[in-house]
């Protein structure tokens, strides 16, 4: 049984693309994969959600959206705005546990950052990860602001006893500036390990075959790819 929670340091950092990349590589290895989105916000019924992008990019079709709220807010606030019942993370944990009994890998994509509220009691994706005893893959930005957001996320994880599966930069710019280049070493310092991957910007617009190749190049061996942090830093001339 293997459950991996994918969380971000913020919204819009590339969680869905990273989730799709991990799913694509697992599928190509022949592993049985399920992807769960506990709460989709910002999408009306019938509109494409994050799982539709995962399916298109990865080819993994065993996906489960457990709750949907049209308002582009946190799950708790979106439920209030729509006069709907908040989702139950306890029920989500039960469903994910069932899936883990029949799938080699279950990927759980959070909404927003690690401590975004899912109900009025303040339950978060961190609580779900703890209930599942799952490691968390943290998706971070490349540029300014990422160090503070990443440090806060990792500190919150450590305080809750959550294991870190790695830090992935969700969108690496074609022309990185001084901030992006400097942040590579600092993100590794915060994580106390090499980066678990770097996906270049725009890969979410690729077709499935090209996307799979980018996933192989952009994710580390621990996630099924061939990304090497040392080689990446040498290409950027951050190492001799």
C-alpha atoms as a PDB file:
ATOM      1  CA  UNK A   1       0.000   0.000   0.000  1.00  0.00           C
ATOM      2  CA  UNK A   2       1.454   3.359  -1.028  1.00  0.00           C
ATOM      3  CA  UNK A   3      -0.248   6.726  -0.669  1.00  0.00           C
ATOM      4  CA  UNK A   4       1.474   9.949  -1.675  1.00  0.00           C
ATOM      5  CA  UNK A   5      -0.052  13.330  -0.879  1.00  0.00           C
ATOM      6  CA  UNK A   6       0.860  16.139  -3.280  1.00  0.00           C
ATOM      7  CA  UNK A   7       0.611  19.549  -1.647  1.00  0.00           C
ATOM      8  CA  UNK A   8       1.776  22.987  -2.652  1.00  0.00           C
ATOM      9  CA  UNK A   9       3.378  25.901  -0.900  1.00  0.00           C
ATOM     10  CA  UNK A  10       0.547  28.008  -2.356  1.00  0.00           C
ATOM     11  CA  UNK A  11      -2.107  27.880  -5.042  1.00  0.00           C
ATOM     12  CA  UNK A  12      -1.072  27.870  -8.704  1.00  0.00           C
ATOM     13  CA  UNK A  13       2.346  26.328  -8.111  1.00  0.00           C
ATOM     14  CA  UNK A  14       1.922  23.339 -10.429  1.00  0.00           C
ATOM     15  CA  UNK A  15       0.472  20.636  -8.162  1.00  0.00           C
ATOM     16  CA  UNK A  16      -1.775  19.189 -10.864  1.00  0.00           C
ATOM     17  CA  UNK A  17       1.037  18.935 -13.416  1.00  0.00           C
ATOM     18  CA  UNK A  18       3.354  17.314 -10.866  1.00  0.00           C
ATOM     19  CA  UNK A  19       0.600  14.900  -9.842  1.00  0.00           C
ATOM     20  CA  UNK A  20       0.074  14.005 -13.506  1.00  0.00           C
ATOM     21  CA  UNK A  21       3.822  13.526 -14.003  1.00  0.00           C
ATOM     22  CA  UNK A  22       4.125  11.105 -11.077  1.00  0.00           C
ATOM     23  CA  UNK A  23       1.010   9.271 -12.280  1.00  0.00           C
ATOM     24  CA  UNK A  24       2.303   9.041 -15.855  1.00  0.00           C
ATOM     25  CA  UNK A  25       5.599   7.481 -14.806  1.00  0.00           C
ATOM     26  CA  UNK A  26       3.882   5.006 -12.491  1.00  0.00           C
ATOM     27  CA  UNK A  27       1.485   3.968 -15.263  1.00  0.00           C
ATOM     28  CA  UNK A  28       4.346   3.486 -17.719  1.00  0.00           C
ATOM     29  CA  UNK A  29       6.062   1.222 -15.169  1.00  0.00           C
ATOM     30  CA  UNK A  30       2.948  -0.918 -15.194  1.00  0.00           C
ATOM     31  CA  UNK A  31       1.832   0.055 -11.705  1.00  0.00           C
ATOM     32  CA  UNK A  32      -1.835   0.321 -10.846  1.00  0.00           C
ATOM     33  CA  UNK A  33      -2.485   3.994 -10.079  1.00  0.00           C
ATOM     34  CA  UNK A  34      -5.439   5.913  -8.675  1.00  0.00           C
ATOM     35  CA  UNK A  35      -5.602   9.686  -8.299  1.00  0.00           C
ATOM     36  CA  UNK A  36      -7.861  11.353  -5.751  1.00  0.00           C
ATOM     37  CA  UNK A  37      -8.857  15.003  -5.504  1.00  0.00           C
ATOM     38  CA  UNK A  38     -10.557  15.356  -2.097  1.00  0.00           C
ATOM     39  CA  UNK A  39     -12.064  18.744  -2.969  1.00  0.00           C
ATOM     40  CA  UNK A  40     -12.218  20.546  -6.297  1.00  0.00           C
ATOM     41  CA  UNK A  41     -12.976  24.240  -6.010  1.00  0.00           C
ATOM     42  CA  UNK A  42     -13.435  26.899  -8.670  1.00  0.00           C
ATOM     43  CA  UNK A  43     -15.223  24.596 -11.108  1.00  0.00           C
ATOM     44  CA  UNK A  44     -18.948  24.332 -11.709  1.00  0.00           C
ATOM     45  CA  UNK A  45     -20.619  20.966 -12.317  1.00  0.00           C
ATOM     46  CA  UNK A  46     -19.720  19.715 -15.770  1.00  0.00           C
ATOM     47  CA  UNK A  47     -16.674  21.965 -16.137  1.00  0.00           C
ATOM     48  CA  UNK A  48     -13.189  20.436 -16.443  1.00  0.00           C
ATOM     49  CA  UNK A  49     -11.423  20.058 -13.118  1.00  0.00           C
ATOM     50  CA  UNK A  50      -7.890  19.162 -12.090  1.00  0.00           C
ATOM     51  CA  UNK A  51      -8.497  15.450 -12.599  1.00  0.00           C
ATOM     52  CA  UNK A  52      -9.444  16.048 -16.225  1.00  0.00           C
ATOM     53  CA  UNK A  53      -5.980  17.541 -16.747  1.00  0.00           C
ATOM     54  CA  UNK A  54      -4.386  14.586 -14.943  1.00  0.00           C
ATOM     55  CA  UNK A  55      -6.236  12.151 -17.203  1.00  0.00           C
ATOM     56  CA  UNK A  56      -5.261  14.030 -20.374  1.00  0.00           C
ATOM     57  CA  UNK A  57      -1.596  14.317 -19.453  1.00  0.00           C
ATOM     58  CA  UNK A  58      -0.936  10.987 -17.743  1.00  0.00           C
ATOM     59  CA  UNK A  59      -3.368   8.538 -19.302  1.00  0.00           C
ATOM     60  CA  UNK A  60      -4.425   7.429 -15.818  1.00  0.00           C
ATOM     61  CA  UNK A  61      -8.209   7.148 -15.803  1.00  0.00           C
ATOM     62  CA  UNK A  62      -8.825   5.763 -12.316  1.00  0.00           C
ATOM     63  CA  UNK A  63      -9.614   9.086 -10.688  1.00  0.00           C
ATOM     64  CA  UNK A  64     -11.939  10.186  -7.918  1.00  0.00           C
ATOM     65  CA  UNK A  65     -13.182  13.673  -7.096  1.00  0.00           C
ATOM     66  CA  UNK A  66     -14.791  13.468  -3.668  1.00  0.00           C
ATOM     67  CA  UNK A  67     -16.349  16.954  -3.500  1.00  0.00           C
ATOM     68  CA  UNK A  68     -16.794  19.916  -5.835  1.00  0.00           C
ATOM     69  CA  UNK A  69     -17.577  23.542  -5.080  1.00  0.00           C
ATOM     70  CA  UNK A  70     -17.964  26.226  -7.794  1.00  0.00           C
ATOM     71  CA  UNK A  71     -16.448  29.092  -5.786  1.00  0.00           C
ATOM     72  CA  UNK A  72     -12.697  29.588  -6.224  1.00  0.00           C
ATOM     73  CA  UNK A  73     -12.046  29.598  -2.485  1.00  0.00           C
ATOM     74  CA  UNK A  74     -10.718  27.215   0.120  1.00  0.00           C
ATOM     75  CA  UNK A  75     -12.897  24.088   0.392  1.00  0.00           C
ATOM     76  CA  UNK A  76     -14.385  25.275   3.691  1.00  0.00           C
ATOM     77  CA  UNK A  77     -15.147  28.760   2.390  1.00  0.00           C
ATOM     78  CA  UNK A  78     -16.409  27.431  -0.953  1.00  0.00           C
ATOM     79  CA  UNK A  79     -18.814  25.092   0.837  1.00  0.00           C
ATOM     80  CA  UNK A  80     -20.136  28.041   2.862  1.00  0.00           C
ATOM     81  CA  UNK A  81     -20.479  30.195  -0.235  1.00  0.00           C
ATOM     82  CA  UNK A  82     -22.512  27.513  -1.973  1.00  0.00           C
ATOM     83  CA  UNK A  83     -24.578  26.681   1.103  1.00  0.00           C
ATOM     84  CA  UNK A  84     -23.254  23.125   0.785  1.00  0.00           C
ATOM     85  CA  UNK A  85     -22.014  20.601   3.308  1.00  0.00           C
ATOM     86  CA  UNK A  86     -18.249  20.603   3.798  1.00  0.00           C
ATOM     87  CA  UNK A  87     -16.433  17.484   2.778  1.00  0.00           C
ATOM     88  CA  UNK A  88     -15.428  14.965   5.430  1.00  0.00           C
ATOM     89  CA  UNK A  89     -11.710  14.256   5.587  1.00  0.00           C
ATOM     90  CA  UNK A  90     -12.506  11.231   7.743  1.00  0.00           C
ATOM     91  CA  UNK A  91     -14.640   9.815   4.924  1.00  0.00           C
ATOM     92  CA  UNK A  92     -11.923  10.757   2.428  1.00  0.00           C
ATOM     93  CA  UNK A  93      -9.321   8.887   4.455  1.00  0.00           C
ATOM     94  CA  UNK A  94     -11.539   5.821   4.464  1.00  0.00           C
ATOM     95  CA  UNK A  95     -12.055   5.920   0.711  1.00  0.00           C
ATOM     96  CA  UNK A  96      -8.365   6.470   0.002  1.00  0.00           C
ATOM     97  CA  UNK A  97      -7.475   3.604   2.337  1.00  0.00           C
ATOM     98  CA  UNK A  98      -9.786   1.314   0.378  1.00  0.00           C
ATOM     99  CA  UNK A  99      -8.158   2.360  -2.892  1.00  0.00           C
ATOM    100  CA  UNK A 100      -4.705   1.749  -1.454  1.00  0.00           C
ATOM    101  CA  UNK A 101      -5.632  -1.884  -0.805  1.00  0.00           C
ATOM    102  CA  UNK A 102      -6.124  -2.498  -4.534  1.00  0.00           C
ATOM    103  CA  UNK A 103      -3.677  -0.054  -6.149  1.00  0.00           C
ATOM    104  CA  UNK A 104       0.094   0.076  -6.050  1.00  0.00           C
ATOM    105  CA  UNK A 105       0.011   3.872  -5.800  1.00  0.00           C
ATOM    106  CA  UNK A 106      -2.677   6.327  -4.743  1.00  0.00           C
ATOM    107  CA  UNK A 107      -1.918   9.990  -5.402  1.00  0.00           C
ATOM    108  CA  UNK A 108      -3.877  12.547  -3.389  1.00  0.00           C
ATOM    109  CA  UNK A 109      -3.799  16.100  -4.735  1.00  0.00           C
ATOM    110  CA  UNK A 110      -4.593  18.792  -2.201  1.00  0.00           C
ATOM    111  CA  UNK A 111      -6.252  22.142  -2.791  1.00  0.00           C
ATOM    112  CA  UNK A 112      -4.014  25.169  -2.347  1.00  0.00           C
ATOM    113  CA  UNK A 113      -1.408  24.895   0.394  1.00  0.00           C
ATOM    114  CA  UNK A 114      -0.832  22.461   3.224  1.00  0.00           C
ATOM    115  CA  UNK A 115      -2.976  24.238   5.834  1.00  0.00           C
ATOM    116  CA  UNK A 116      -5.949  25.322   3.713  1.00  0.00           C
ATOM    117  CA  UNK A 117      -9.154  24.602   5.631  1.00  0.00           C
ATOM    118  CA  UNK A 118     -11.461  21.851   4.404  1.00  0.00           C
ATOM    119  CA  UNK A 119     -14.180  22.246   7.037  1.00  0.00           C
ATOM    120  CA  UNK A 120     -15.273  24.556   9.829  1.00  0.00           C
ATOM    121  CA  UNK A 121     -13.231  22.614  12.384  1.00  0.00           C
ATOM    122  CA  UNK A 122     -10.047  23.520  10.537  1.00  0.00           C
ATOM    123  CA  UNK A 123      -9.184  20.115   9.066  1.00  0.00           C
ATOM    124  CA  UNK A 124      -6.432  20.327   6.435  1.00  0.00           C
ATOM    125  CA  UNK A 125      -4.691  18.146   3.883  1.00  0.00           C
ATOM    126  CA  UNK A 126      -1.940  17.797   6.490  1.00  0.00           C
ATOM    127  CA  UNK A 127      -4.469  16.095   8.775  1.00  0.00           C
ATOM    128  CA  UNK A 128      -5.448  13.769   5.942  1.00  0.00           C
ATOM    129  CA  UNK A 129      -1.804  12.879   5.279  1.00  0.00           C
ATOM    130  CA  UNK A 130      -1.304  12.140   8.956  1.00  0.00           C
ATOM    131  CA  UNK A 131      -4.421   9.952   9.107  1.00  0.00           C
ATOM    132  CA  UNK A 132      -3.166   8.019   6.082  1.00  0.00           C
ATOM    133  CA  UNK A 133       0.437   7.899   7.368  1.00  0.00           C
ATOM    134  CA  UNK A 134       1.391   9.195   3.951  1.00  0.00           C
ATOM    135  CA  UNK A 135       4.434  11.150   2.906  1.00  0.00           C
ATOM    136  CA  UNK A 136       3.964  14.567   1.346  1.00  0.00           C
ATOM    137  CA  UNK A 137       5.468  15.719  -1.924  1.00  0.00           C
ATOM    138  CA  UNK A 138       5.799  19.507  -1.747  1.00  0.00           C
ATOM    139  CA  UNK A 139       5.445  21.519  -4.956  1.00  0.00           C
ATOM    140  CA  UNK A 140       7.094  24.944  -4.794  1.00  0.00           C
ATOM    141  CA  UNK A 141       7.495  28.007  -6.984  1.00  0.00           C
ATOM    142  CA  UNK A 142      10.843  28.867  -8.517  1.00  0.00           C
ATOM    143  CA  UNK A 143      10.912  32.625  -7.912  1.00  0.00           C
ATOM    144  CA  UNK A 144      10.669  35.281  -5.246  1.00  0.00           C
ATOM    145  CA  UNK A 145       8.661  34.325  -2.156  1.00  0.00           C
ATOM    146  CA  UNK A 146       9.201  30.618  -2.512  1.00  0.00           C
ATOM    147  CA  UNK A 147      11.743  30.313   0.295  1.00  0.00           C
ATOM    148  CA  UNK A 148       9.425  31.676   2.969  1.00  0.00           C
ATOM    149  CA  UNK A 149       6.450  29.654   1.726  1.00  0.00           C
ATOM    150  CA  UNK A 150       8.511  26.478   1.510  1.00  0.00           C
ATOM    151  CA  UNK A 151      10.113  26.975   4.925  1.00  0.00           C
ATOM    152  CA  UNK A 152       6.694  27.500   6.531  1.00  0.00           C
ATOM    153  CA  UNK A 153       5.295  24.413   4.791  1.00  0.00           C
ATOM    154  CA  UNK A 154       8.192  22.205   5.854  1.00  0.00           C
ATOM    155  CA  UNK A 155       8.055  23.536   9.415  1.00  0.00           C
ATOM    156  CA  UNK A 156       4.326  22.799   9.605  1.00  0.00           C
ATOM    157  CA  UNK A 157       4.974  19.282   8.320  1.00  0.00           C
ATOM    158  CA  UNK A 158       7.730  18.675  10.856  1.00  0.00           C
ATOM    159  CA  UNK A 159       5.523  19.893  13.709  1.00  0.00           C
ATOM    160  CA  UNK A 160       2.872  17.356  12.651  1.00  0.00           C
ATOM    161  CA  UNK A 161       5.278  14.474  12.189  1.00  0.00           C
ATOM    162  CA  UNK A 162       4.721  14.269   8.441  1.00  0.00           C
ATOM    163  CA  UNK A 163       7.360  12.683   6.230  1.00  0.00           C
ATOM    164  CA  UNK A 164       8.740  14.613   3.264  1.00  0.00           C
ATOM    165  CA  UNK A 165       8.827  12.785  -0.063  1.00  0.00           C
ATOM    166  CA  UNK A 166      10.724  15.678  -1.619  1.00  0.00           C
ATOM    167  CA  UNK A 167      10.429  19.204  -2.993  1.00  0.00           C
ATOM    168  CA  UNK A 168       9.650  19.698  -6.681  1.00  0.00           C
ATOM    169  CA  UNK A 169       9.767  23.015  -8.510  1.00  0.00           C
ATOM    170  CA  UNK A 170       6.486  22.975 -10.383  1.00  0.00           C
ATOM    171  CA  UNK A 171       7.345  25.440 -13.187  1.00  0.00           C
ATOM    172  CA  UNK A 172      10.910  26.349 -14.125  1.00  0.00           C
ATOM    173  CA  UNK A 173      11.121  29.412 -16.411  1.00  0.00           C
ATOM    174  CA  UNK A 174      12.814  29.282 -19.790  1.00  0.00           C
ATOM    175  CA  UNK A 175      14.964  32.247 -18.763  1.00  0.00           C
ATOM    176  CA  UNK A 176      15.584  32.036 -15.006  1.00  0.00           C
ATOM    177  CA  UNK A 177      16.691  35.186 -13.243  1.00  0.00           C
ATOM    178  CA  UNK A 178      18.894  35.742 -10.230  1.00  0.00           C
ATOM    179  CA  UNK A 179      16.144  34.818  -7.776  1.00  0.00           C
ATOM    180  CA  UNK A 180      15.366  31.493  -9.440  1.00  0.00           C
ATOM    181  CA  UNK A 181      19.030  30.546  -9.728  1.00  0.00           C
ATOM    182  CA  UNK A 182      19.734  31.468  -6.118  1.00  0.00           C
ATOM    183  CA  UNK A 183      16.655  29.615  -4.868  1.00  0.00           C
ATOM    184  CA  UNK A 184      17.795  26.224  -6.153  1.00  0.00           C
ATOM    185  CA  UNK A 185      20.469  25.805  -3.476  1.00  0.00           C
ATOM    186  CA  UNK A 186      18.316  27.438  -0.799  1.00  0.00           C
ATOM    187  CA  UNK A 187      15.366  25.124  -1.468  1.00  0.00           C
ATOM    188  CA  UNK A 188      17.692  22.146  -1.129  1.00  0.00           C
ATOM    189  CA  UNK A 189      19.023  23.585   2.114  1.00  0.00           C
ATOM    190  CA  UNK A 190      15.492  23.934   3.482  1.00  0.00           C
ATOM    191  CA  UNK A 191      14.581  20.391   2.477  1.00  0.00           C
ATOM    192  CA  UNK A 192      17.947  19.027   3.665  1.00  0.00           C
ATOM    193  CA  UNK A 193      18.165  16.987   0.458  1.00  0.00           C
ATOM    194  CA  UNK A 194      18.481  17.449  -3.314  1.00  0.00           C
ATOM    195  CA  UNK A 195      15.463  18.616  -5.254  1.00  0.00           C
ATOM    196  CA  UNK A 196      13.110  15.777  -6.173  1.00  0.00           C
ATOM    197  CA  UNK A 197      12.413  17.348  -9.531  1.00  0.00           C
ATOM    198  CA  UNK A 198      12.072  20.420 -11.699  1.00  0.00           C
ATOM    199  CA  UNK A 199       9.403  20.622 -14.393  1.00  0.00           C
ATOM    200  CA  UNK A 200       9.828  23.284 -17.021  1.00  0.00           C
ATOM    201  CA  UNK A 201       7.099  25.833 -17.568  1.00  0.00           C
ATOM    202  CA  UNK A 202       4.532  24.961 -20.200  1.00  0.00           C
ATOM    203  CA  UNK A 203       4.716  21.165 -19.934  1.00  0.00           C
ATOM    204  CA  UNK A 204       1.034  21.058 -19.006  1.00  0.00           C
ATOM    205  CA  UNK A 205       0.195  22.046 -22.579  1.00  0.00           C
ATOM    206  CA  UNK A 206       2.016  19.067 -24.124  1.00  0.00           C
ATOM    207  CA  UNK A 207       0.485  15.892 -25.485  1.00  0.00           C
ATOM    208  CA  UNK A 208       0.716  12.675 -23.427  1.00  0.00           C
ATOM    209  CA  UNK A 209       3.833  11.246 -25.112  1.00  0.00           C
ATOM    210  CA  UNK A 210       5.841  14.457 -24.888  1.00  0.00           C
ATOM    211  CA  UNK A 211       4.606  14.992 -21.357  1.00  0.00           C
ATOM    212  CA  UNK A 212       5.804  11.538 -20.309  1.00  0.00           C
ATOM    213  CA  UNK A 213       9.283  12.365 -21.622  1.00  0.00           C
ATOM    214  CA  UNK A 214       9.291  15.628 -19.698  1.00  0.00           C
ATOM    215  CA  UNK A 215       8.185  13.756 -16.585  1.00  0.00           C
ATOM    216  CA  UNK A 216      11.102  11.348 -16.971  1.00  0.00           C
ATOM    217  CA  UNK A 217      13.543  14.223 -17.356  1.00  0.00           C
ATOM    218  CA  UNK A 218      11.971  16.356 -14.648  1.00  0.00           C
ATOM    219  CA  UNK A 219      11.359  13.957 -11.751  1.00  0.00           C
ATOM    220  CA  UNK A 220      13.982  12.200  -9.646  1.00  0.00           C
ATOM    221  CA  UNK A 221      14.540   8.467  -9.463  1.00  0.00           C
ATOM    222  CA  UNK A 222      12.536   8.263  -6.232  1.00  0.00           C
ATOM    223  CA  UNK A 223       9.503   9.368  -8.277  1.00  0.00           C
ATOM    224  CA  UNK A 224      10.262   7.126 -11.232  1.00  0.00           C
ATOM    225  CA  UNK A 225      12.233   9.567 -13.386  1.00  0.00           C
ATOM    226  CA  UNK A 226      15.837  10.371 -14.190  1.00  0.00           C
ATOM    227  CA  UNK A 227      16.255  13.934 -12.901  1.00  0.00           C
ATOM    228  CA  UNK A 228      19.646  14.552 -11.332  1.00  0.00           C
ATOM    229  CA  UNK A 229      19.954  17.663  -9.197  1.00  0.00           C
ATOM    230  CA  UNK A 230      23.721  17.881  -9.556  1.00  0.00           C
ATOM    231  CA  UNK A 231      23.533  17.723 -13.354  1.00  0.00           C
ATOM    232  CA  UNK A 232      20.756  20.332 -13.310  1.00  0.00           C
ATOM    233  CA  UNK A 233      22.864  22.719 -11.263  1.00  0.00           C
ATOM    234  CA  UNK A 234      25.839  22.183 -13.535  1.00  0.00           C
ATOM    235  CA  UNK A 235      23.721  23.072 -16.579  1.00  0.00           C
ATOM    236  CA  UNK A 236      22.795  26.305 -14.804  1.00  0.00           C
ATOM    237  CA  UNK A 237      26.489  26.888 -13.978  1.00  0.00           C
ATOM    238  CA  UNK A 238      25.726  26.778 -10.295  1.00  0.00           C
ATOM    239  CA  UNK A 239      28.378  24.077  -9.890  1.00  0.00           C
ATOM    240  CA  UNK A 240      31.759  23.680 -11.614  1.00  0.00           C
END
